[in-house]
Amino acid sequence: MGPGVPGPRPGRREGRRQVIVFCGYANLDVVGRVPHFPRPDERVHASAVEHLPGGMAANAAVAAARAGARVAFAGALGGDPLSDRFLAELVAEGVDTAWSDRSAFLSTAIVLVDAAGRRSVISEDDGLGGAHVTVAADRLAAAGGGLLYLDGYRAAAAAAAVRPGVAVAVDLDGCDDPADALRAVRAATHVVVGRHRLESFGVPRDGWSALAAASGTVLAVTDGASGWTLCTPDGAVVTGAALPVDVVDDTGAGDCFTGTFLAGIDDGLLTAEAARRAGVAASLSCTVPGARGAPTPDLVGVALRRLPPDLPQPLLEDPT
């Protein structure tokens, strides 16, 4: 258990501490820090251009590992030095990379971060297909089970990834097909999705709770600085505010939320408490540059204790 994470207490379930396998994007992020996003035909001078590790699944894996979870990364990379370095950085975070496929390539994402810390991303398709998801799911089942995370680009494979002892969690960021998204919601035990994306699938706010109930899924809807909403299968709804911070770079904040949330669930935290910690961690991640600004549990704990008294507090009862 990581530093700063309290031991079992009344009302808290004992964590399983099974492995969480993160299957999805690994990216080399080429990050340009610009005063504003360029308009067509405009040239903007960057104050810095950096090459940083990224990718939804890899970022979430790092956040979960920093939160104390037992984590593996099942991505698709190459056999080149850049891929070697990418995996070595994950190993340094305590992530098991032996689940990764080295027969593909390390994809690239171009990330622009403006003066307000907002980011705009151009991502490249990677080499991770449905067959890779099947291999990861089979291996996890053979290892005794655990939690399999899929990013939104793999949402169509969610139903086929379910195995005895294997629960599937999906971050729907990156999923553009409403039919694939809704099938993934029905197949997964936990789904994280941004408000704008969920609404683009035709699910307005007043339909979130019904979707969670009909699917038997814990649905966490994130909304940036406006906080998050948690809907559970029995129709309960819990909301939480984001921690007010000075934003430096919001790249990877959603990945931080997802990784921290799943680590909390695996550790036995009550569902709303896991979301509360994840929301604070995501806010703190915006205070540092790069996609892997996930804080350690002790920093999250300090921030939780220092929440302003007028900041809305979510219920800590587990509605499930």
C-alpha atoms as a PDB file:
ATOM      1  CA  MET A   1       0.000   0.000   0.000  1.00  0.00           C
ATOM      2  CA  GLY A   2       1.431   3.360  -1.061  1.00  0.00           C
ATOM      3  CA  PRO A   3       2.452   6.056   1.402  1.00  0.00           C
ATOM      4  CA  GLY A   4      -0.361   8.228   2.613  1.00  0.00           C
ATOM      5  CA  VAL A   5      -3.043   5.626   1.883  1.00  0.00           C
ATOM      6  CA  PRO A   6      -4.938   4.765   5.076  1.00  0.00           C
ATOM      7  CA  GLY A   7      -5.402   1.183   6.150  1.00  0.00           C
ATOM      8  CA  PRO A   8      -8.768  -0.571   6.329  1.00  0.00           C
ATOM      9  CA  ARG A   9     -11.395   1.268   8.350  1.00  0.00           C
ATOM     10  CA  PRO A  10     -15.038   0.669   9.205  1.00  0.00           C
ATOM     11  CA  GLY A  11     -17.200   0.848   6.098  1.00  0.00           C
ATOM     12  CA  ARG A  12     -14.331   0.150   3.749  1.00  0.00           C
ATOM     13  CA  ARG A  13     -14.088  -3.090   1.792  1.00  0.00           C
ATOM     14  CA  GLU A  14     -10.864  -5.051   1.785  1.00  0.00           C
ATOM     15  CA  GLY A  15      -9.111  -4.579  -1.574  1.00  0.00           C
ATOM     16  CA  ARG A  16      -8.512  -7.492  -3.885  1.00  0.00           C
ATOM     17  CA  ARG A  17      -5.114  -6.272  -5.027  1.00  0.00           C
ATOM     18  CA  GLN A  18      -5.413  -8.206  -8.249  1.00  0.00           C
ATOM     19  CA  VAL A  19      -3.499  -6.916 -11.238  1.00  0.00           C
ATOM     20  CA  ILE A  20      -4.998  -4.115 -13.321  1.00  0.00           C
ATOM     21  CA  VAL A  21      -3.957  -4.568 -16.951  1.00  0.00           C
ATOM     22  CA  PHE A  22      -4.026  -1.390 -19.033  1.00  0.00           C
ATOM     23  CA  CYS A  23      -4.536  -2.269 -22.692  1.00  0.00           C
ATOM     24  CA  GLY A  24      -4.403   0.654 -25.106  1.00  0.00           C
ATOM     25  CA  TYR A  25      -2.423   3.564 -26.390  1.00  0.00           C
ATOM     26  CA  ALA A  26       1.296   4.135 -25.942  1.00  0.00           C
ATOM     27  CA  ASN A  27       2.408   7.416 -27.525  1.00  0.00           C
ATOM     28  CA  LEU A  28       5.466   9.531 -27.923  1.00  0.00           C
ATOM     29  CA  ASP A  29       4.006  12.997 -27.322  1.00  0.00           C
ATOM     30  CA  VAL A  30       5.576  15.872 -29.237  1.00  0.00           C
ATOM     31  CA  VAL A  31       4.432  18.773 -27.083  1.00  0.00           C
ATOM     32  CA  GLY A  32       4.485  22.370 -28.283  1.00  0.00           C
ATOM     33  CA  ARG A  33       3.787  25.091 -25.712  1.00  0.00           C
ATOM     34  CA  VAL A  34       2.176  27.983 -27.548  1.00  0.00           C
ATOM     35  CA  PRO A  35       0.562  31.313 -26.581  1.00  0.00           C
ATOM     36  CA  HIS A  36      -2.631  30.291 -28.378  1.00  0.00           C
ATOM     37  CA  PHE A  37      -3.824  27.584 -30.748  1.00  0.00           C
ATOM     38  CA  PRO A  38      -3.028  28.508 -34.356  1.00  0.00           C
ATOM     39  CA  ARG A  39      -5.701  29.496 -36.842  1.00  0.00           C
ATOM     40  CA  PRO A  40      -5.567  28.253 -40.447  1.00  0.00           C
ATOM     41  CA  ASP A  41      -2.474  29.595 -42.231  1.00  0.00           C
ATOM     42  CA  GLU A  42      -1.126  31.093 -39.002  1.00  0.00           C
ATOM     43  CA  ARG A  43       2.391  30.448 -37.744  1.00  0.00           C
ATOM     44  CA  VAL A  44       2.717  30.357 -33.947  1.00  0.00           C
ATOM     45  CA  HIS A  45       6.064  30.313 -32.150  1.00  0.00           C
ATOM     46  CA  ALA A  46       6.348  27.777 -29.349  1.00  0.00           C
ATOM     47  CA  SER A  47       8.063  28.676 -26.124  1.00  0.00           C
ATOM     48  CA  ALA A  48       9.184  25.050 -25.901  1.00  0.00           C
ATOM     49  CA  VAL A  49       8.920  21.809 -27.860  1.00  0.00           C
ATOM     50  CA  GLU A  50       9.344  18.631 -25.826  1.00  0.00           C
ATOM     51  CA  HIS A  51       9.285  14.892 -26.457  1.00  0.00           C
ATOM     52  CA  LEU A  52       7.421  13.230 -23.585  1.00  0.00           C
ATOM     53  CA  PRO A  53       5.913   9.794 -22.925  1.00  0.00           C
ATOM     54  CA  GLY A  54       2.133   9.636 -23.283  1.00  0.00           C
ATOM     55  CA  GLY A  55      -0.795   7.561 -24.446  1.00  0.00           C
ATOM     56  CA  MET A  56      -4.127   7.095 -22.666  1.00  0.00           C
ATOM     57  CA  ALA A  57      -3.527   3.600 -21.342  1.00  0.00           C
ATOM     58  CA  ALA A  58       0.106   4.208 -20.391  1.00  0.00           C
ATOM     59  CA  ASN A  59      -0.754   7.454 -18.595  1.00  0.00           C
ATOM     60  CA  ALA A  60      -3.574   5.756 -16.683  1.00  0.00           C
ATOM     61  CA  ALA A  61      -1.261   2.861 -15.802  1.00  0.00           C
ATOM     62  CA  VAL A  62       1.253   5.272 -14.277  1.00  0.00           C
ATOM     63  CA  ALA A  63      -1.486   7.006 -12.274  1.00  0.00           C
ATOM     64  CA  ALA A  64      -2.732   3.659 -10.938  1.00  0.00           C
ATOM     65  CA  ALA A  65       0.794   2.553 -10.051  1.00  0.00           C
ATOM     66  CA  ARG A  66       1.469   5.807  -8.182  1.00  0.00           C
ATOM     67  CA  ALA A  67      -1.794   5.228  -6.314  1.00  0.00           C
ATOM     68  CA  GLY A  68      -0.403   1.891  -5.105  1.00  0.00           C
ATOM     69  CA  ALA A  69      -2.068  -0.559  -7.492  1.00  0.00           C
ATOM     70  CA  ARG A  70      -0.441  -3.635  -8.978  1.00  0.00           C
ATOM     71  CA  VAL A  71      -0.297  -2.651 -12.646  1.00  0.00           C
ATOM     72  CA  ALA A  72       0.617  -4.155 -16.018  1.00  0.00           C
ATOM     73  CA  PHE A  73       0.707  -2.460 -19.414  1.00  0.00           C
ATOM     74  CA  ALA A  74      -0.409  -4.367 -22.519  1.00  0.00           C
ATOM     75  CA  GLY A  75       0.369  -1.992 -25.346  1.00  0.00           C
ATOM     76  CA  ALA A  76       1.692  -2.453 -28.869  1.00  0.00           C
ATOM     77  CA  LEU A  77       5.129  -0.967 -29.531  1.00  0.00           C
ATOM     78  CA  GLY A  78       8.214  -1.671 -31.615  1.00  0.00           C
ATOM     79  CA  GLY A  79      11.655  -3.106 -31.031  1.00  0.00           C
ATOM     80  CA  ASP A  80      13.387   0.256 -31.527  1.00  0.00           C
ATOM     81  CA  PRO A  81      15.280   2.346 -28.945  1.00  0.00           C
ATOM     82  CA  LEU A  82      12.388   4.787 -28.496  1.00  0.00           C
ATOM     83  CA  SER A  83      10.073   1.908 -27.609  1.00  0.00           C
ATOM     84  CA  ASP A  84      12.749   0.549 -25.252  1.00  0.00           C
ATOM     85  CA  ARG A  85      12.940   3.914 -23.503  1.00  0.00           C
ATOM     86  CA  PHE A  86       9.154   4.207 -23.325  1.00  0.00           C
ATOM     87  CA  LEU A  87       8.813   0.842 -21.593  1.00  0.00           C
ATOM     88  CA  ALA A  88      11.780   1.531 -19.307  1.00  0.00           C
ATOM     89  CA  GLU A  89      10.030   4.666 -18.047  1.00  0.00           C
ATOM     90  CA  LEU A  90       6.949   2.571 -17.227  1.00  0.00           C
ATOM     91  CA  VAL A  91       9.096  -0.004 -15.420  1.00  0.00           C
ATOM     92  CA  ALA A  92      10.606   2.817 -13.359  1.00  0.00           C
ATOM     93  CA  GLU A  93       7.047   3.643 -12.231  1.00  0.00           C
ATOM     94  CA  GLY A  94       6.492   0.055 -11.079  1.00  0.00           C
ATOM     95  CA  VAL A  95       4.493  -1.049 -14.136  1.00  0.00           C
ATOM     96  CA  ASP A  96       4.910  -4.602 -15.465  1.00  0.00           C
ATOM     97  CA  THR A  97       5.553  -4.217 -19.209  1.00  0.00           C
ATOM     98  CA  ALA A  98       5.971  -7.921 -20.001  1.00  0.00           C
ATOM     99  CA  TRP A  99       2.379  -7.933 -21.280  1.00  0.00           C
ATOM    100  CA  SER A 100       3.267  -5.591 -24.167  1.00  0.00           C
ATOM    101  CA  ASP A 101       3.616  -6.643 -27.806  1.00  0.00           C
ATOM    102  CA  ARG A 102       6.885  -5.501 -29.424  1.00  0.00           C
ATOM    103  CA  SER A 103       5.967  -6.384 -33.019  1.00  0.00           C
ATOM    104  CA  ALA A 104       4.255  -3.065 -33.827  1.00  0.00           C
ATOM    105  CA  PHE A 105       5.516   0.528 -33.469  1.00  0.00           C
ATOM    106  CA  LEU A 106       5.427   3.421 -31.035  1.00  0.00           C
ATOM    107  CA  SER A 107       2.823   5.859 -32.316  1.00  0.00           C
ATOM    108  CA  THR A 108       3.166   9.636 -32.108  1.00  0.00           C
ATOM    109  CA  ALA A 109       0.784  12.294 -30.817  1.00  0.00           C
ATOM    110  CA  ILE A 110       1.183  16.009 -31.487  1.00  0.00           C
ATOM    111  CA  VAL A 111       0.038  17.995 -28.458  1.00  0.00           C
ATOM    112  CA  LEU A 112      -0.350  21.770 -28.339  1.00  0.00           C
ATOM    113  CA  VAL A 113      -0.703  23.386 -24.912  1.00  0.00           C
ATOM    114  CA  ASP A 114      -1.819  27.016 -24.787  1.00  0.00           C
ATOM    115  CA  ALA A 115      -1.116  29.712 -22.207  1.00  0.00           C
ATOM    116  CA  ALA A 116      -4.193  28.683 -20.191  1.00  0.00           C
ATOM    117  CA  GLY A 117      -2.960  25.092 -19.917  1.00  0.00           C
ATOM    118  CA  ARG A 118      -5.529  23.707 -22.340  1.00  0.00           C
ATOM    119  CA  ARG A 119      -4.399  21.118 -24.818  1.00  0.00           C
ATOM    120  CA  SER A 120      -5.265  20.154 -28.381  1.00  0.00           C
ATOM    121  CA  VAL A 121      -4.176  16.732 -29.628  1.00  0.00           C
ATOM    122  CA  ILE A 122      -3.553  15.096 -32.986  1.00  0.00           C
ATOM    123  CA  SER A 123      -3.089  11.366 -32.443  1.00  0.00           C
ATOM    124  CA  GLU A 124      -1.798   8.688 -34.772  1.00  0.00           C
ATOM    125  CA  ASP A 125      -3.422   5.272 -35.060  1.00  0.00           C
ATOM    126  CA  ASP A 126      -1.397   2.634 -33.250  1.00  0.00           C
ATOM    127  CA  GLY A 127      -0.846  -1.047 -34.001  1.00  0.00           C
ATOM    128  CA  LEU A 128      -3.022  -2.446 -31.220  1.00  0.00           C
ATOM    129  CA  GLY A 129      -6.011  -4.350 -32.613  1.00  0.00           C
ATOM    130  CA  GLY A 130      -8.685  -6.688 -31.382  1.00  0.00           C
ATOM    131  CA  ALA A 131      -6.322  -9.651 -31.405  1.00  0.00           C
ATOM    132  CA  HIS A 132      -4.082  -7.902 -28.851  1.00  0.00           C
ATOM    133  CA  VAL A 133      -7.075  -7.329 -26.584  1.00  0.00           C
ATOM    134  CA  THR A 134      -8.025 -11.014 -26.825  1.00  0.00           C
ATOM    135  CA  VAL A 135      -4.490 -12.087 -25.883  1.00  0.00           C
ATOM    136  CA  ALA A 136      -4.470  -9.739 -22.874  1.00  0.00           C
ATOM    137  CA  ALA A 137      -7.896 -10.940 -21.703  1.00  0.00           C
ATOM    138  CA  ASP A 138      -6.936 -14.622 -22.050  1.00  0.00           C
ATOM    139  CA  ARG A 139      -3.660 -14.078 -20.219  1.00  0.00           C
ATOM    140  CA  LEU A 140      -5.377 -12.219 -17.386  1.00  0.00           C
ATOM    141  CA  ALA A 141      -7.964 -14.982 -17.017  1.00  0.00           C
ATOM    142  CA  ALA A 142      -5.225 -17.619 -16.958  1.00  0.00           C
ATOM    143  CA  ALA A 143      -3.390 -15.611 -14.270  1.00  0.00           C
ATOM    144  CA  GLY A 144      -6.392 -15.812 -11.974  1.00  0.00           C
ATOM    145  CA  GLY A 145      -8.338 -12.785 -13.130  1.00  0.00           C
ATOM    146  CA  GLY A 146      -8.308  -9.082 -12.431  1.00  0.00           C
ATOM    147  CA  LEU A 147      -9.363  -5.843 -14.061  1.00  0.00           C
ATOM    148  CA  LEU A 148      -8.763  -5.167 -17.755  1.00  0.00           C
ATOM    149  CA  TYR A 149      -8.768  -1.504 -18.801  1.00  0.00           C
ATOM    150  CA  LEU A 150      -9.471  -0.555 -22.411  1.00  0.00           C
ATOM    151  CA  ASP A 151      -9.245   2.930 -23.842  1.00  0.00           C
ATOM    152  CA  GLY A 152     -12.009   4.279 -26.061  1.00  0.00           C
ATOM    153  CA  TYR A 153     -10.222   3.295 -29.246  1.00  0.00           C
ATOM    154  CA  ARG A 154     -10.697  -0.321 -28.137  1.00  0.00           C
ATOM    155  CA  ALA A 155     -14.321   0.115 -26.994  1.00  0.00           C
ATOM    156  CA  ALA A 156     -15.637  -2.189 -29.717  1.00  0.00           C
ATOM    157  CA  ALA A 157     -13.639  -5.059 -28.170  1.00  0.00           C
ATOM    158  CA  ALA A 158     -15.057  -4.630 -24.642  1.00  0.00           C
ATOM    159  CA  ALA A 159     -17.754  -7.308 -24.816  1.00  0.00           C
ATOM    160  CA  ALA A 160     -15.388  -9.862 -26.350  1.00  0.00           C
ATOM    161  CA  ALA A 161     -12.818  -9.210 -23.590  1.00  0.00           C
ATOM    162  CA  VAL A 162     -15.050 -10.372 -20.727  1.00  0.00           C
ATOM    163  CA  ARG A 163     -13.825 -13.644 -19.182  1.00  0.00           C
ATOM    164  CA  PRO A 164     -14.555 -15.551 -15.973  1.00  0.00           C
ATOM    165  CA  GLY A 165     -12.749 -13.596 -13.266  1.00  0.00           C
ATOM    166  CA  VAL A 166     -11.941 -10.738 -15.649  1.00  0.00           C
ATOM    167  CA  ALA A 167     -13.838  -7.463 -15.248  1.00  0.00           C
ATOM    168  CA  VAL A 168     -13.557  -4.850 -17.983  1.00  0.00           C
ATOM    169  CA  ALA A 169     -13.288  -1.102 -17.395  1.00  0.00           C
ATOM    170  CA  VAL A 170     -13.457   1.336 -20.301  1.00  0.00           C
ATOM    171  CA  ASP A 171     -12.429   4.976 -20.680  1.00  0.00           C
ATOM    172  CA  LEU A 172     -14.595   6.116 -23.588  1.00  0.00           C
ATOM    173  CA  ASP A 173     -12.318   9.001 -24.547  1.00  0.00           C
ATOM    174  CA  GLY A 174     -11.380   8.314 -28.164  1.00  0.00           C
ATOM    175  CA  CYS A 175     -14.531   6.369 -29.000  1.00  0.00           C
ATOM    176  CA  ASP A 176     -16.486   8.137 -31.758  1.00  0.00           C
ATOM    177  CA  ASP A 177     -19.092   5.477 -32.522  1.00  0.00           C
ATOM    178  CA  PRO A 178     -22.205   5.746 -30.298  1.00  0.00           C
ATOM    179  CA  ALA A 179     -23.153   2.103 -30.917  1.00  0.00           C
ATOM    180  CA  ASP A 180     -19.695   0.866 -29.882  1.00  0.00           C
ATOM    181  CA  ALA A 181     -19.784   3.148 -26.837  1.00  0.00           C
ATOM    182  CA  LEU A 182     -23.141   1.913 -25.598  1.00  0.00           C
ATOM    183  CA  ARG A 183     -22.163  -1.728 -26.146  1.00  0.00           C
ATOM    184  CA  ALA A 184     -19.011  -1.084 -24.120  1.00  0.00           C
ATOM    185  CA  VAL A 185     -21.071   0.456 -21.314  1.00  0.00           C
ATOM    186  CA  ARG A 186     -23.214  -2.678 -21.168  1.00  0.00           C
ATOM    187  CA  ALA A 187     -20.154  -4.969 -21.098  1.00  0.00           C
ATOM    188  CA  ALA A 188     -18.019  -3.073 -18.580  1.00  0.00           C
ATOM    189  CA  THR A 189     -18.209  -2.978 -14.803  1.00  0.00           C
ATOM    190  CA  HIS A 190     -16.837   0.592 -14.702  1.00  0.00           C
ATOM    191  CA  VAL A 191     -16.926   3.275 -17.388  1.00  0.00           C
ATOM    192  CA  VAL A 192     -15.297   6.702 -17.339  1.00  0.00           C
ATOM    193  CA  VAL A 193     -16.412   9.230 -19.934  1.00  0.00           C
ATOM    194  CA  GLY A 194     -16.266  12.984 -20.425  1.00  0.00           C
ATOM    195  CA  ARG A 195     -19.560  14.852 -20.294  1.00  0.00           C
ATOM    196  CA  HIS A 196     -19.290  16.290 -23.806  1.00  0.00           C
ATOM    197  CA  ARG A 197     -18.503  12.893 -25.302  1.00  0.00           C
ATOM    198  CA  LEU A 198     -21.359  11.175 -23.493  1.00  0.00           C
ATOM    199  CA  GLU A 199     -23.755  13.860 -24.650  1.00  0.00           C
ATOM    200  CA  SER A 200     -22.452  13.436 -28.219  1.00  0.00           C
ATOM    201  CA  PHE A 201     -23.619   9.813 -27.967  1.00  0.00           C
ATOM    202  CA  GLY A 202     -27.148  11.096 -27.382  1.00  0.00           C
ATOM    203  CA  VAL A 203     -27.173  10.621 -23.598  1.00  0.00           C
ATOM    204  CA  PRO A 204     -28.076  13.903 -21.844  1.00  0.00           C
ATOM    205  CA  ARG A 205     -27.478  14.495 -18.152  1.00  0.00           C
ATOM    206  CA  ASP A 206     -30.966  13.363 -17.172  1.00  0.00           C
ATOM    207  CA  GLY A 207     -30.280  10.008 -18.854  1.00  0.00           C
ATOM    208  CA  TRP A 208     -26.989   9.129 -17.128  1.00  0.00           C
ATOM    209  CA  SER A 209     -28.511   7.396 -14.140  1.00  0.00           C
ATOM    210  CA  ALA A 210     -30.888   5.368 -16.317  1.00  0.00           C
ATOM    211  CA  LEU A 211     -27.982   4.261 -18.519  1.00  0.00           C
ATOM    212  CA  ALA A 212     -25.996   3.046 -15.504  1.00  0.00           C
ATOM    213  CA  ALA A 213     -29.028   1.233 -14.111  1.00  0.00           C
ATOM    214  CA  ALA A 214     -29.971  -0.405 -17.403  1.00  0.00           C
ATOM    215  CA  SER A 215     -26.379  -1.503 -18.054  1.00  0.00           C
ATOM    216  CA  GLY A 216     -25.463  -2.599 -14.536  1.00  0.00           C
ATOM    217  CA  THR A 217     -22.414  -0.378 -14.816  1.00  0.00           C
ATOM    218  CA  VAL A 218     -20.765   2.177 -12.545  1.00  0.00           C
ATOM    219  CA  LEU A 219     -20.646   5.287 -14.735  1.00  0.00           C
ATOM    220  CA  ALA A 220     -18.208   8.099 -13.872  1.00  0.00           C
ATOM    221  CA  VAL A 221     -18.791  11.244 -15.927  1.00  0.00           C
ATOM    222  CA  THR A 222     -15.990  13.809 -15.785  1.00  0.00           C
ATOM    223  CA  ASP A 223     -16.429  17.476 -16.605  1.00  0.00           C
ATOM    224  CA  GLY A 224     -13.055  19.154 -16.156  1.00  0.00           C
ATOM    225  CA  ALA A 225     -13.083  22.039 -13.705  1.00  0.00           C
ATOM    226  CA  SER A 226     -16.796  21.433 -13.086  1.00  0.00           C
ATOM    227  CA  GLY A 227     -16.040  18.139 -11.323  1.00  0.00           C
ATOM    228  CA  TRP A 228     -17.558  14.708 -11.781  1.00  0.00           C
ATOM    229  CA  THR A 229     -20.768  12.724 -11.423  1.00  0.00           C
ATOM    230  CA  LEU A 230     -20.971   9.064 -10.400  1.00  0.00           C
ATOM    231  CA  CYS A 231     -24.022   6.984 -11.353  1.00  0.00           C
ATOM    232  CA  THR A 232     -24.439   3.460 -10.012  1.00  0.00           C
ATOM    233  CA  PRO A 233     -26.564   0.508 -11.128  1.00  0.00           C
ATOM    234  CA  ASP A 234     -29.139   1.005  -8.380  1.00  0.00           C
ATOM    235  CA  GLY A 235     -29.867   4.553  -9.573  1.00  0.00           C
ATOM    236  CA  ALA A 236     -27.838   6.426  -6.968  1.00  0.00           C
ATOM    237  CA  VAL A 237     -26.071   9.598  -8.112  1.00  0.00           C
ATOM    238  CA  VAL A 238     -23.072  11.219  -6.368  1.00  0.00           C
ATOM    239  CA  THR A 239     -21.421  14.433  -7.493  1.00  0.00           C
ATOM    240  CA  GLY A 240     -18.050  15.897  -6.611  1.00  0.00           C
ATOM    241  CA  ALA A 241     -16.322  19.179  -7.364  1.00  0.00           C
ATOM    242  CA  ALA A 242     -12.879  19.547  -8.870  1.00  0.00           C
ATOM    243  CA  LEU A 243     -10.133  20.925  -6.634  1.00  0.00           C
ATOM    244  CA  PRO A 244      -9.453  24.583  -7.526  1.00  0.00           C
ATOM    245  CA  VAL A 245      -5.904  24.783  -8.918  1.00  0.00           C
ATOM    246  CA  ASP A 246      -3.765  27.003 -11.128  1.00  0.00           C
ATOM    247  CA  VAL A 247      -3.729  25.013 -14.363  1.00  0.00           C
ATOM    248  CA  VAL A 248      -0.368  24.601 -16.067  1.00  0.00           C
ATOM    249  CA  ASP A 249      -1.231  21.717 -18.400  1.00  0.00           C
ATOM    250  CA  ASP A 250      -4.425  19.640 -18.420  1.00  0.00           C
ATOM    251  CA  THR A 251      -2.983  16.955 -20.707  1.00  0.00           C
ATOM    252  CA  GLY A 252      -3.611  13.513 -19.213  1.00  0.00           C
ATOM    253  CA  ALA A 253      -5.932  14.741 -16.451  1.00  0.00           C
ATOM    254  CA  GLY A 254      -8.653  12.346 -17.583  1.00  0.00           C
ATOM    255  CA  ASP A 255      -6.163   9.473 -17.659  1.00  0.00           C
ATOM    256  CA  CYS A 256      -5.080  10.393 -14.140  1.00  0.00           C
ATOM    257  CA  PHE A 257      -8.709  10.309 -12.977  1.00  0.00           C
ATOM    258  CA  THR A 258      -9.286   6.891 -14.530  1.00  0.00           C
ATOM    259  CA  GLY A 259      -6.095   5.273 -13.243  1.00  0.00           C
ATOM    260  CA  THR A 260      -6.541   6.648  -9.728  1.00  0.00           C
ATOM    261  CA  PHE A 261     -10.221   5.673  -9.682  1.00  0.00           C
ATOM    262  CA  LEU A 262      -9.555   2.078 -10.734  1.00  0.00           C
ATOM    263  CA  ALA A 263      -6.711   1.795  -8.226  1.00  0.00           C
ATOM    264  CA  GLY A 264      -9.073   2.927  -5.489  1.00  0.00           C
ATOM    265  CA  ILE A 265     -11.729   0.424  -6.528  1.00  0.00           C
ATOM    266  CA  ASP A 266      -9.143  -2.361  -6.542  1.00  0.00           C
ATOM    267  CA  ASP A 267      -7.915  -1.271  -3.117  1.00  0.00           C
ATOM    268  CA  GLY A 268     -11.410  -1.616  -1.688  1.00  0.00           C
ATOM    269  CA  LEU A 269     -12.325   2.046  -1.389  1.00  0.00           C
ATOM    270  CA  LEU A 270     -16.010   2.840  -1.450  1.00  0.00           C
ATOM    271  CA  THR A 271     -16.952   3.798  -4.989  1.00  0.00           C
ATOM    272  CA  ALA A 272     -17.664   7.455  -4.245  1.00  0.00           C
ATOM    273  CA  GLU A 273     -14.488   7.746  -2.176  1.00  0.00           C
ATOM    274  CA  ALA A 274     -12.457   6.330  -5.071  1.00  0.00           C
ATOM    275  CA  ALA A 275     -14.008   8.943  -7.370  1.00  0.00           C
ATOM    276  CA  ARG A 276     -13.328  11.696  -4.857  1.00  0.00           C
ATOM    277  CA  ARG A 277      -9.641  10.792  -4.650  1.00  0.00           C
ATOM    278  CA  ALA A 278      -9.492  10.493  -8.429  1.00  0.00           C
ATOM    279  CA  GLY A 279     -11.010  13.939  -8.892  1.00  0.00           C
ATOM    280  CA  VAL A 280      -8.476  15.535  -6.565  1.00  0.00           C
ATOM    281  CA  ALA A 281      -5.602  13.645  -8.219  1.00  0.00           C
ATOM    282  CA  ALA A 282      -6.752  14.782 -11.676  1.00  0.00           C
ATOM    283  CA  SER A 283      -6.890  18.399 -10.498  1.00  0.00           C
ATOM    284  CA  LEU A 284      -3.392  18.185  -9.015  1.00  0.00           C
ATOM    285  CA  SER A 285      -2.070  16.632 -12.229  1.00  0.00           C
ATOM    286  CA  CYS A 286      -2.966  19.856 -14.045  1.00  0.00           C
ATOM    287  CA  THR A 287      -0.467  21.827 -11.949  1.00  0.00           C
ATOM    288  CA  VAL A 288       2.581  20.290 -13.651  1.00  0.00           C
ATOM    289  CA  PRO A 289       3.513  19.964 -17.336  1.00  0.00           C
ATOM    290  CA  GLY A 290       3.120  16.729 -19.271  1.00  0.00           C
ATOM    291  CA  ALA A 291       0.617  13.887 -19.427  1.00  0.00           C
ATOM    292  CA  ARG A 292       1.949  12.045 -16.375  1.00  0.00           C
ATOM    293  CA  GLY A 293       1.471  14.499 -13.567  1.00  0.00           C
ATOM    294  CA  ALA A 294      -0.437  12.032 -11.370  1.00  0.00           C
ATOM    295  CA  PRO A 295       0.353  12.836  -7.719  1.00  0.00           C
ATOM    296  CA  THR A 296       1.336  10.379  -5.020  1.00  0.00           C
ATOM    297  CA  PRO A 297      -1.286   9.296  -2.437  1.00  0.00           C
ATOM    298  CA  ASP A 298       0.262  11.465   0.274  1.00  0.00           C
ATOM    299  CA  LEU A 299      -0.187  14.586  -1.859  1.00  0.00           C
ATOM    300  CA  VAL A 300      -3.783  13.605  -2.582  1.00  0.00           C
ATOM    301  CA  GLY A 301      -4.344  13.070   1.129  1.00  0.00           C
ATOM    302  CA  VAL A 302      -2.994  16.521   1.973  1.00  0.00           C
ATOM    303  CA  ALA A 303      -5.234  18.112  -0.663  1.00  0.00           C
ATOM    304  CA  LEU A 304      -8.278  16.236   0.620  1.00  0.00           C
ATOM    305  CA  ARG A 305      -7.664  17.548   4.126  1.00  0.00           C
ATOM    306  CA  ARG A 306      -7.302  21.086   2.826  1.00  0.00           C
ATOM    307  CA  LEU A 307     -10.445  21.201   0.722  1.00  0.00           C
ATOM    308  CA  PRO A 308     -12.209  24.537   1.218  1.00  0.00           C
ATOM    309  CA  PRO A 309     -15.192  24.119   3.554  1.00  0.00           C
ATOM    310  CA  ASP A 310     -17.540  25.483   0.893  1.00  0.00           C
ATOM    311  CA  LEU A 311     -16.442  22.906  -1.690  1.00  0.00           C
ATOM    312  CA  PRO A 312     -19.244  20.344  -2.157  1.00  0.00           C
ATOM    313  CA  GLN A 313     -18.351  16.997  -0.603  1.00  0.00           C
ATOM    314  CA  PRO A 314     -19.598  13.755  -2.185  1.00  0.00           C
ATOM    315  CA  LEU A 315     -21.262  11.092  -0.106  1.00  0.00           C
ATOM    316  CA  LEU A 316     -18.924   8.407   1.108  1.00  0.00           C
ATOM    317  CA  GLU A 317     -21.634   5.752   1.241  1.00  0.00           C
ATOM    318  CA  ASP A 318     -21.202   3.028  -1.342  1.00  0.00           C
ATOM    319  CA  PRO A 319     -24.461   3.031  -3.318  1.00  0.00           C
ATOM    320  CA  THR A 320     -23.751  -0.436  -4.671  1.00  0.00           C
END
